[in-house]
C-alpha atoms as a PDB file:
ATOM      1  CA  ASP A   1     -62.794  -6.412  14.593  1.00  0.00           C
ATOM      2  CA  LEU A   2     -60.286  -9.244  15.060  1.00  0.00           C
ATOM      3  CA  THR A   3     -57.599  -7.026  16.632  1.00  0.00           C
ATOM      4  CA  GLU A   4     -60.198  -5.525  18.947  1.00  0.00           C
ATOM      5  CA  ARG A   5     -61.325  -8.990  20.065  1.00  0.00           C
ATOM      6  CA  ILE A   6     -57.708 -10.083  20.646  1.00  0.00           C
ATOM      7  CA  LEU A   7     -56.982  -7.051  22.831  1.00  0.00           C
ATOM      8  CA  ALA A   8     -60.229  -7.400  24.776  1.00  0.00           C
ATOM      9  CA  GLN A   9     -59.480 -11.069  25.420  1.00  0.00           C
ATOM     10  CA  ALA A  10     -55.925 -10.243  26.561  1.00  0.00           C
ATOM     11  CA  VAL A  11     -57.189  -7.657  29.059  1.00  0.00           C
ATOM     12  CA  PHE A  12     -59.961  -9.960  30.284  1.00  0.00           C
ATOM     13  CA  THR A  13     -57.770 -13.035  30.768  1.00  0.00           C
ATOM     14  CA  GLY A  14     -54.608 -11.262  31.908  1.00  0.00           C
ATOM     15  CA  GLU A  15     -52.490 -13.141  29.353  1.00  0.00           C
ATOM     16  CA  LEU A  16     -49.813 -10.790  28.092  1.00  0.00           C
ATOM     17  CA  GLU A  17     -48.046 -12.516  25.203  1.00  0.00           C
ATOM     18  CA  GLU A  18     -45.377 -10.674  23.229  1.00  0.00           C
ATOM     19  CA  ALA A  19     -47.460 -10.744  20.043  1.00  0.00           C
ATOM     20  CA  VAL A  20     -50.287  -8.868  21.770  1.00  0.00           C
ATOM     21  CA  PHE A  21     -48.158  -5.713  21.865  1.00  0.00           C
ATOM     22  CA  HIS A  22     -47.741  -5.777  18.078  1.00  0.00           C
ATOM     23  CA  VAL A  23     -51.511  -6.096  17.749  1.00  0.00           C
ATOM     24  CA  PHE A  24     -51.977  -3.167  20.111  1.00  0.00           C
ATOM     25  CA  PHE A  25     -49.554  -0.879  18.244  1.00  0.00           C
ATOM     26  CA  ARG A  26     -51.400  -1.582  14.985  1.00  0.00           C
ATOM     27  CA  TYR A  27     -54.772  -1.010  16.634  1.00  0.00           C
ATOM     28  CA  VAL A  28     -53.730   2.349  18.141  1.00  0.00           C
ATOM     29  CA  GLU A  29     -53.095   3.678  14.634  1.00  0.00           C
ATOM     30  CA  LYS A  30     -56.647   3.098  13.369  1.00  0.00           C
ATOM     31  CA  GLY A  31     -58.733   1.678  16.230  1.00  0.00           C
ATOM     32  CA  SER A  32     -61.785   3.633  17.326  1.00  0.00           C
ATOM     33  CA  ASN A  33     -62.462   2.022  20.728  1.00  0.00           C
ATOM     34  CA  LYS A  34     -60.725   4.517  23.015  1.00  0.00           C
ATOM     35  CA  LYS A  35     -62.086   2.786  26.100  1.00  0.00           C
ATOM     36  CA  LEU A  36     -60.337  -0.461  25.110  1.00  0.00           C
ATOM     37  CA  ILE A  37     -57.085   1.396  24.395  1.00  0.00           C
ATOM     38  CA  ARG A  38     -57.174   3.043  27.847  1.00  0.00           C
ATOM     39  CA  ALA A  39     -57.940  -0.295  29.490  1.00  0.00           C
ATOM     40  CA  PHE A  40     -54.961  -1.948  27.786  1.00  0.00           C
ATOM     41  CA  LEU A  41     -52.678   0.930  28.755  1.00  0.00           C
ATOM     42  CA  LYS A  42     -53.786   0.871  32.396  1.00  0.00           C
ATOM     43  CA  TRP A  43     -53.421  -2.897  32.584  1.00  0.00           C
ATOM     44  CA  THR A  44     -49.912  -2.983  31.099  1.00  0.00           C
ATOM     45  CA  ALA A  45     -48.847  -0.062  33.316  1.00  0.00           C
ATOM     46  CA  TYR A  46     -50.141  -2.017  36.325  1.00  0.00           C
ATOM     47  CA  GLU A  47     -48.152  -5.089  35.261  1.00  0.00           C
ATOM     48  CA  TYR A  48     -45.016  -2.977  34.915  1.00  0.00           C
ATOM     49  CA  LEU A  49     -45.397  -1.253  38.289  1.00  0.00           C
ATOM     50  CA  VAL A  50     -46.690  -4.080  40.471  1.00  0.00           C
ATOM     51  CA  HIS A  51     -45.240  -7.198  38.834  1.00  0.00           C
ATOM     52  CA  GLU A  52     -42.175  -5.572  37.218  1.00  0.00           C
ATOM     53  CA  ARG A  53     -43.186  -6.899  33.814  1.00  0.00           C
ATOM     54  CA  GLU A  54     -40.794  -5.966  30.999  1.00  0.00           C
ATOM     55  CA  LEU A  55     -42.525  -3.963  28.281  1.00  0.00           C
ATOM     56  CA  PRO A  56     -41.540  -2.943  24.748  1.00  0.00           C
ATOM     57  CA  GLU A  57     -39.937   0.504  24.575  1.00  0.00           C
ATOM     58  CA  LYS A  58     -42.809   1.780  22.478  1.00  0.00           C
ATOM     59  CA  MET A  59     -45.290   1.206  25.330  1.00  0.00           C
ATOM     60  CA  PHE A  60     -43.728   4.017  27.333  1.00  0.00           C
ATOM     61  CA  SER A  61     -44.274   6.422  24.460  1.00  0.00           C
ATOM     62  CA  CYS A  62     -47.920   5.363  24.563  1.00  0.00           C
ATOM     63  CA  PHE A  63     -48.040   6.007  28.334  1.00  0.00           C
ATOM     64  CA  LEU A  64     -46.565   9.479  27.856  1.00  0.00           C
ATOM     65  CA  HIS A  65     -49.033  10.301  25.104  1.00  0.00           C
ATOM     66  CA  GLU A  66     -51.948   9.054  27.210  1.00  0.00           C
ATOM     67  CA  VAL A  67     -51.159  11.162  30.285  1.00  0.00           C
ATOM     68  CA  ARG A  68     -50.744  14.266  28.130  1.00  0.00           C
ATOM     69  CA  VAL A  69     -54.300  13.740  26.876  1.00  0.00           C
ATOM     70  CA  GLU A  70     -56.064  12.911  30.145  1.00  0.00           C
ATOM     71  CA  GLU A  71     -55.512  11.979  33.791  1.00  0.00           C
ATOM     72  CA  ASN A  72     -54.297   8.384  34.101  1.00  0.00           C
ATOM     73  CA  ARG A  73     -52.484   7.519  37.364  1.00  0.00           C
ATOM     74  CA  PRO A  74     -51.131   4.054  36.365  1.00  0.00           C
ATOM     75  CA  CYS A  75     -49.704   5.340  33.079  1.00  0.00           C
ATOM     76  CA  LEU A  76     -48.259   8.427  34.773  1.00  0.00           C
ATOM     77  CA  LEU A  77     -46.434   6.362  37.402  1.00  0.00           C
ATOM     78  CA  ALA A  78     -45.192   3.887  34.791  1.00  0.00           C
ATOM     79  CA  ALA A  79     -43.898   6.726  32.598  1.00  0.00           C
ATOM     80  CA  LEU A  80     -42.098   8.364  35.523  1.00  0.00           C
ATOM     81  CA  LYS A  81     -40.521   5.102  36.660  1.00  0.00           C
ATOM     82  CA  TYR A  82     -39.293   4.467  33.123  1.00  0.00           C
ATOM     83  CA  LEU A  83     -37.866   7.986  32.786  1.00  0.00           C
ATOM     84  CA  SER A  84     -36.170   7.710  36.188  1.00  0.00           C
ATOM     85  CA  GLY A  85     -34.077   4.856  34.808  1.00  0.00           C
ATOM     86  CA  LYS A  86     -32.796   6.764  31.766  1.00  0.00           C
ATOM     87  CA  GLU A  87     -29.278   8.157  32.009  1.00  0.00           C
ATOM     88  CA  VAL A  88     -30.074  11.267  29.959  1.00  0.00           C
ATOM     89  CA  LEU A  89     -33.446  12.973  29.604  1.00  0.00           C
ATOM     90  CA  LYS A  90     -34.630  15.118  26.716  1.00  0.00           C
ATOM     91  CA  GLU A  91     -35.813  18.642  27.459  1.00  0.00           C
ATOM     92  CA  GLU A  92     -39.507  17.711  27.228  1.00  0.00           C
ATOM     93  CA  GLU A  93     -38.901  14.662  29.458  1.00  0.00           C
ATOM     94  CA  ILE A  94     -37.218  16.868  32.074  1.00  0.00           C
ATOM     95  CA  LEU A  95     -40.184  19.268  32.095  1.00  0.00           C
ATOM     96  CA  PHE A  96     -42.663  16.396  32.240  1.00  0.00           C
ATOM     97  CA  SER A  97     -40.829  14.618  35.085  1.00  0.00           C
ATOM     98  CA  ASP A  98     -40.224  17.771  37.099  1.00  0.00           C
ATOM     99  CA  TYR A  99     -43.850  18.896  37.002  1.00  0.00           C
ATOM    100  CA  ASN A 100     -45.488  15.525  37.647  1.00  0.00           C
ATOM    101  CA  LEU A 101     -43.076  14.253  40.311  1.00  0.00           C
ATOM    102  CA  HIS A 102     -43.557  17.381  42.394  1.00  0.00           C
ATOM    103  CA  ARG A 103     -47.322  17.228  41.894  1.00  0.00           C
ATOM    104  CA  LEU A 104     -47.441  13.640  43.121  1.00  0.00           C
ATOM    105  CA  TYR A 105     -45.065  14.366  45.999  1.00  0.00           C
ATOM    106  CA  GLU A 106     -47.225  17.249  47.206  1.00  0.00           C
ATOM    107  CA  ASN A 107     -50.181  14.831  47.242  1.00  0.00           C
ATOM    108  CA  HIS A 108     -48.145  12.331  49.319  1.00  0.00           C
ATOM    109  CA  ILE A 109     -47.834   9.805  46.489  1.00  0.00           C
ATOM    110  CA  ILE A 110     -44.196   8.838  47.023  1.00  0.00           C
ATOM    111  CA  PHE A 111     -42.027   6.035  45.610  1.00  0.00           C
ATOM    112  CA  GLY A 112     -38.395   5.148  46.089  1.00  0.00           C
ATOM    113  CA  PHE A 113     -37.682   5.411  42.357  1.00  0.00           C
ATOM    114  CA  TYR A 114     -38.159   9.203  42.603  1.00  0.00           C
ATOM    115  CA  LYS A 115     -34.583   9.387  43.941  1.00  0.00           C
ATOM    116  CA  ASN A 116     -33.324   7.962  40.633  1.00  0.00           C
ATOM    117  CA  PHE A 117     -34.020  11.408  39.182  1.00  0.00           C
ATOM    118  CA  TYR A 118     -31.107  12.701  41.258  1.00  0.00           C
ATOM    119  CA  GLU A 119     -28.980  15.091  39.165  1.00  0.00           C
ATOM    120  CA  LYS A 120     -31.578  14.975  36.351  1.00  0.00           C
ATOM    121  CA  ILE A 121     -34.230  17.255  37.847  1.00  0.00           C
ATOM    122  CA  PRO A 122     -34.447  19.299  41.078  1.00  0.00           C
ATOM    123  CA  LEU A 123     -35.858  17.085  43.846  1.00  0.00           C
ATOM    124  CA  PRO A 124     -37.691  18.080  47.043  1.00  0.00           C
ATOM    125  CA  GLU A 125     -35.147  18.459  49.855  1.00  0.00           C
ATOM    126  CA  GLN A 126     -37.122  16.238  52.228  1.00  0.00           C
ATOM    127  CA  LEU A 127     -37.286  13.493  49.599  1.00  0.00           C
ATOM    128  CA  MET A 128     -33.504  13.369  49.358  1.00  0.00           C
ATOM    129  CA  LYS A 129     -33.167  13.129  53.135  1.00  0.00           C
ATOM    130  CA  GLU A 130     -35.264   9.964  53.260  1.00  0.00           C
ATOM    131  CA  GLN A 131     -34.452   6.327  52.544  1.00  0.00           C
ATOM    132  CA  PHE A 132     -37.398   4.252  51.321  1.00  0.00           C
ATOM    133  CA  VAL A 133     -38.590   0.757  52.102  1.00  0.00           C
ATOM    134  CA  GLU A 134     -41.013  -0.715  49.547  1.00  0.00           C
ATOM    135  CA  TYR A 135     -43.068  -3.891  49.734  1.00  0.00           C
ATOM    136  CA  THR A 136     -45.768  -5.153  47.364  1.00  0.00           C
ATOM    137  CA  ALA A 137     -48.700  -7.104  48.789  1.00  0.00           C
ATOM    138  CA  ASN A 138     -52.358  -7.831  48.145  1.00  0.00           C
ATOM    139  CA  PRO A 139     -54.145  -4.442  48.415  1.00  0.00           C
ATOM    140  CA  ALA A 140     -56.643  -6.027  50.826  1.00  0.00           C
ATOM    141  CA  HIS A 141     -53.888  -7.027  53.278  1.00  0.00           C
ATOM    142  CA  GLU A 142     -52.370  -4.908  56.023  1.00  0.00           C
ATOM    143  CA  VAL A 143     -48.602  -4.482  56.019  1.00  0.00           C
ATOM    144  CA  LYS A 144     -46.486  -3.500  59.021  1.00  0.00           C
ATOM    145  CA  ILE A 145     -42.799  -2.681  59.269  1.00  0.00           C
ATOM    146  CA  VAL A 146     -41.035  -3.657  62.486  1.00  0.00           C
ATOM    147  CA  TYR A 147     -37.757  -1.775  62.804  1.00  0.00           C
ATOM    148  CA  ARG A 148     -34.984  -0.406  64.948  1.00  0.00           C
ATOM    149  CA  ILE A 149     -32.250   2.118  64.168  1.00  0.00           C
ATOM    150  CA  ARG A 150     -28.660   1.163  64.912  1.00  0.00           C
ATOM    151  CA  SER A 151     -26.012   3.812  65.520  1.00  0.00           C
ATOM    152  CA  GLY A 152     -22.561   2.331  66.083  1.00  0.00           C
ATOM    153  CA  LYS A 153     -22.959  -0.072  68.992  1.00  0.00           C
ATOM    154  CA  GLU A 154     -26.188   1.538  70.143  1.00  0.00           C
ATOM    155  CA  GLU A 155     -29.640   0.552  68.927  1.00  0.00           C
ATOM    156  CA  SER A 156     -33.131   1.894  69.511  1.00  0.00           C
ATOM    157  CA  GLU A 157     -36.118  -0.042  70.812  1.00  0.00           C
ATOM    158  CA  LYS A 158     -38.137  -1.920  68.192  1.00  0.00           C
ATOM    159  CA  GLN A 159     -41.024   0.048  66.740  1.00  0.00           C
ATOM    160  CA  THR A 160     -43.938  -0.937  64.514  1.00  0.00           C
ATOM    161  CA  LEU A 161     -45.613   1.194  61.846  1.00  0.00           C
ATOM    162  CA  MET A 162     -48.241   0.542  59.199  1.00  0.00           C
ATOM    163  CA  MET A 163     -47.021   0.913  55.612  1.00  0.00           C
ATOM    164  CA  GLU A 164     -49.175   3.116  53.401  1.00  0.00           C
ATOM    165  CA  ASP A 165     -50.541   1.768  50.117  1.00  0.00           C
ATOM    166  CA  MET A 166     -49.339   4.100  47.360  1.00  0.00           C
ATOM    167  CA  PHE A 167     -50.682   2.152  44.375  1.00  0.00           C
ATOM    168  CA  GLU A 168     -52.454  -1.210  44.088  1.00  0.00           C
ATOM    169  CA  GLY A 169     -50.656  -2.829  47.033  1.00  0.00           C
ATOM    170  CA  ILE A 170     -47.239  -1.139  46.676  1.00  0.00           C
ATOM    171  CA  ARG A 171     -46.419  -0.077  50.244  1.00  0.00           C
ATOM    172  CA  VAL A 172     -43.835   2.624  50.914  1.00  0.00           C
ATOM    173  CA  LYS A 173     -42.317   3.994  54.112  1.00  0.00           C
ATOM    174  CA  GLY A 174     -39.611   6.654  54.315  1.00  0.00           C
ATOM    175  CA  PHE A 175     -36.975   7.028  57.036  1.00  0.00           C
ATOM    176  CA  VAL A 176     -34.438   9.761  57.736  1.00  0.00           C
ATOM    177  CA  LEU A 177     -31.056   8.206  58.528  1.00  0.00           C
ATOM    178  CA  PHE A 178     -27.902   9.999  59.557  1.00  0.00           C
ATOM    179  CA  GLN A 179     -24.244   9.448  58.707  1.00  0.00           C
ATOM    180  CA  ASN A 180     -23.608   6.684  61.242  1.00  0.00           C
ATOM    181  CA  GLU A 181     -27.045   5.030  61.256  1.00  0.00           C
ATOM    182  CA  SER A 182     -28.640   1.975  59.667  1.00  0.00           C
ATOM    183  CA  LEU A 183     -32.196   0.680  59.699  1.00  0.00           C
ATOM    184  CA  GLU A 184     -32.802  -2.974  60.580  1.00  0.00           C
ATOM    185  CA  TYR A 185     -36.312  -4.079  59.715  1.00  0.00           C
ATOM    186  CA  SER A 186     -38.739  -6.888  58.949  1.00  0.00           C
ATOM    187  CA  ILE A 187     -42.017  -6.769  57.036  1.00  0.00           C
ATOM    188  CA  VAL A 188     -45.183  -8.376  58.409  1.00  0.00           C
ATOM    189  CA  GLU A 189     -48.055  -8.961  55.986  1.00  0.00           C
ATOM    190  CA  ILE A 190     -51.471  -9.692  57.547  1.00  0.00           C
ATOM    191  CA  THR A 191     -54.091 -11.436  55.415  1.00  0.00           C
ATOM    192  CA  SER A 192     -57.843 -10.828  55.559  1.00  0.00           C
ATOM    193  CA  GLU A 193     -58.094 -13.948  57.738  1.00  0.00           C
ATOM    194  CA  GLY A 194     -55.584 -12.575  60.219  1.00  0.00           C
ATOM    195  CA  GLU A 195     -52.680 -14.820  59.198  1.00  0.00           C
ATOM    196  CA  GLU A 196     -49.246 -13.220  59.411  1.00  0.00           C
ATOM    197  CA  LYS A 197     -46.300 -13.669  57.047  1.00  0.00           C
ATOM    198  CA  GLU A 198     -42.971 -12.147  58.043  1.00  0.00           C
ATOM    199  CA  GLU A 199     -40.070 -11.374  55.720  1.00  0.00           C
ATOM    200  CA  GLY A 200     -36.626 -10.215  56.774  1.00  0.00           C
ATOM    201  CA  PRO A 201     -34.603  -9.090  58.552  1.00  0.00           C
ATOM    202  CA  TYR A 202     -33.190  -6.530  56.107  1.00  0.00           C
ATOM    203  CA  THR A 203     -30.802  -3.599  56.530  1.00  0.00           C
ATOM    204  CA  LEU A 204     -31.019  -0.119  55.027  1.00  0.00           C
ATOM    205  CA  THR A 205     -27.980   2.155  55.253  1.00  0.00           C
ATOM    206  CA  PHE A 206     -27.317   5.874  54.929  1.00  0.00           C
ATOM    207  CA  ASP A 207     -27.277   7.159  51.338  1.00  0.00           C
ATOM    208  CA  SER A 208     -24.511   9.728  50.772  1.00  0.00           C
ATOM    209  CA  ARG A 209     -26.500  11.372  47.959  1.00  0.00           C
ATOM    210  CA  THR A 210     -28.776  12.878  50.611  1.00  0.00           C
ATOM    211  CA  GLU A 211     -25.912  14.963  51.937  1.00  0.00           C
ATOM    212  CA  GLU A 212     -24.780  16.070  48.485  1.00  0.00           C
ATOM    213  CA  GLU A 213     -28.277  17.195  47.519  1.00  0.00           C
ATOM    214  CA  SER A 214     -28.839  19.306  50.637  1.00  0.00           C
ATOM    215  CA  SER A 215     -25.287  20.490  51.274  1.00  0.00           C
ATOM    216  CA  LYS A 216     -26.388  23.760  52.911  1.00  0.00           C
ATOM    217  CA  GLY A 217     -29.214  22.419  55.080  1.00  0.00           C
ATOM    218  CA  TRP A 218     -29.422  21.360  58.722  1.00  0.00           C
ATOM    219  CA  TYR A 219     -29.441  17.700  57.722  1.00  0.00           C
ATOM    220  CA  SER A 220     -26.087  17.925  55.958  1.00  0.00           C
ATOM    221  CA  MET A 221     -24.597  19.965  58.819  1.00  0.00           C
ATOM    222  CA  LEU A 222     -25.496  17.290  61.357  1.00  0.00           C
ATOM    223  CA  ASN A 223     -24.020  14.605  59.116  1.00  0.00           C
ATOM    224  CA  GLN A 224     -20.787  16.583  58.829  1.00  0.00           C
ATOM    225  CA  MET A 225     -20.600  16.801  62.615  1.00  0.00           C
ATOM    226  CA  LEU A 226     -21.161  13.075  62.991  1.00  0.00           C
ATOM    227  CA  ALA A 227     -18.488  12.286  60.390  1.00  0.00           C
ATOM    228  CA  LEU A 228     -15.938  14.548  62.117  1.00  0.00           C
ATOM    229  CA  LYS A 229     -16.807  13.088  65.499  1.00  0.00           C
ATOM    230  CA  GLU A 230     -16.140   9.579  64.156  1.00  0.00           C
ATOM    231  CA  LYS A 231     -12.759  10.750  62.801  1.00  0.00           C
ATOM    232  CA  GLY A 232     -11.874  12.307  66.154  1.00  0.00           C
ATOM    233  CA  ASP A 233     -11.205  15.696  64.557  1.00  0.00           C
ATOM    234  CA  ASP A 234     -12.336  17.851  67.491  1.00  0.00           C
ATOM    235  CA  LYS A 235     -11.010  21.135  66.078  1.00  0.00           C
ATOM    236  CA  ALA A 236     -12.891  20.795  62.791  1.00  0.00           C
ATOM    237  CA  LEU A 237     -15.983  19.566  64.676  1.00  0.00           C
ATOM    238  CA  ILE A 238     -16.039  22.693  66.855  1.00  0.00           C
ATOM    239  CA  GLU A 239     -15.667  24.916  63.778  1.00  0.00           C
ATOM    240  CA  VAL A 240     -18.600  23.226  62.043  1.00  0.00           C
ATOM    241  CA  MET A 241     -20.695  23.415  65.210  1.00  0.00           C
END
């Protein structure tokens, strides 16, 4: 009863002390209140994803167990983000990550950390072509990205797009950049009262991993042409063309 009250109070107040995790691990072994366990898991997963809270290693095992039992979006995303940061994945972790990342991607739930699975699992070709801008804000606020693409000395006109909320205020927008391009952008957050807060400017540059991942596609071919053009190697450029 005492451990149950401690966990319920932690979830209710939002106070996540280190000792609470030890209480939770003990409670999971014998506790009968599955609803409380799920609430604690969802809350800690939220803290990890949105506020980048450090969690004990054992919590991620709990997330993985939870999503194998039933659908739980916060725990699934937290487990995938954790696995994306591991240098080497076990066979069951590879299968888990491969299946769930592609399932989320097909449902347009996309995060920049997906690209950290590069060379660990096969990734969607379009995912590897994109660079991602992420910004976390109050879910009730609107978030815009104001950007232009610079290519050498040339630059495009400024454009403005709304950033889609992927999970509890985490906004994500993907851009396809080529060999000689960079993205210059600022983020504008609009409160419920209409007040605007701007952050930036920032710069996003071409990621060479995109070319390596799709070495036989149109995207890589265009990048090869641009690279050869910059080098002034006309003969090789014509051959590639």
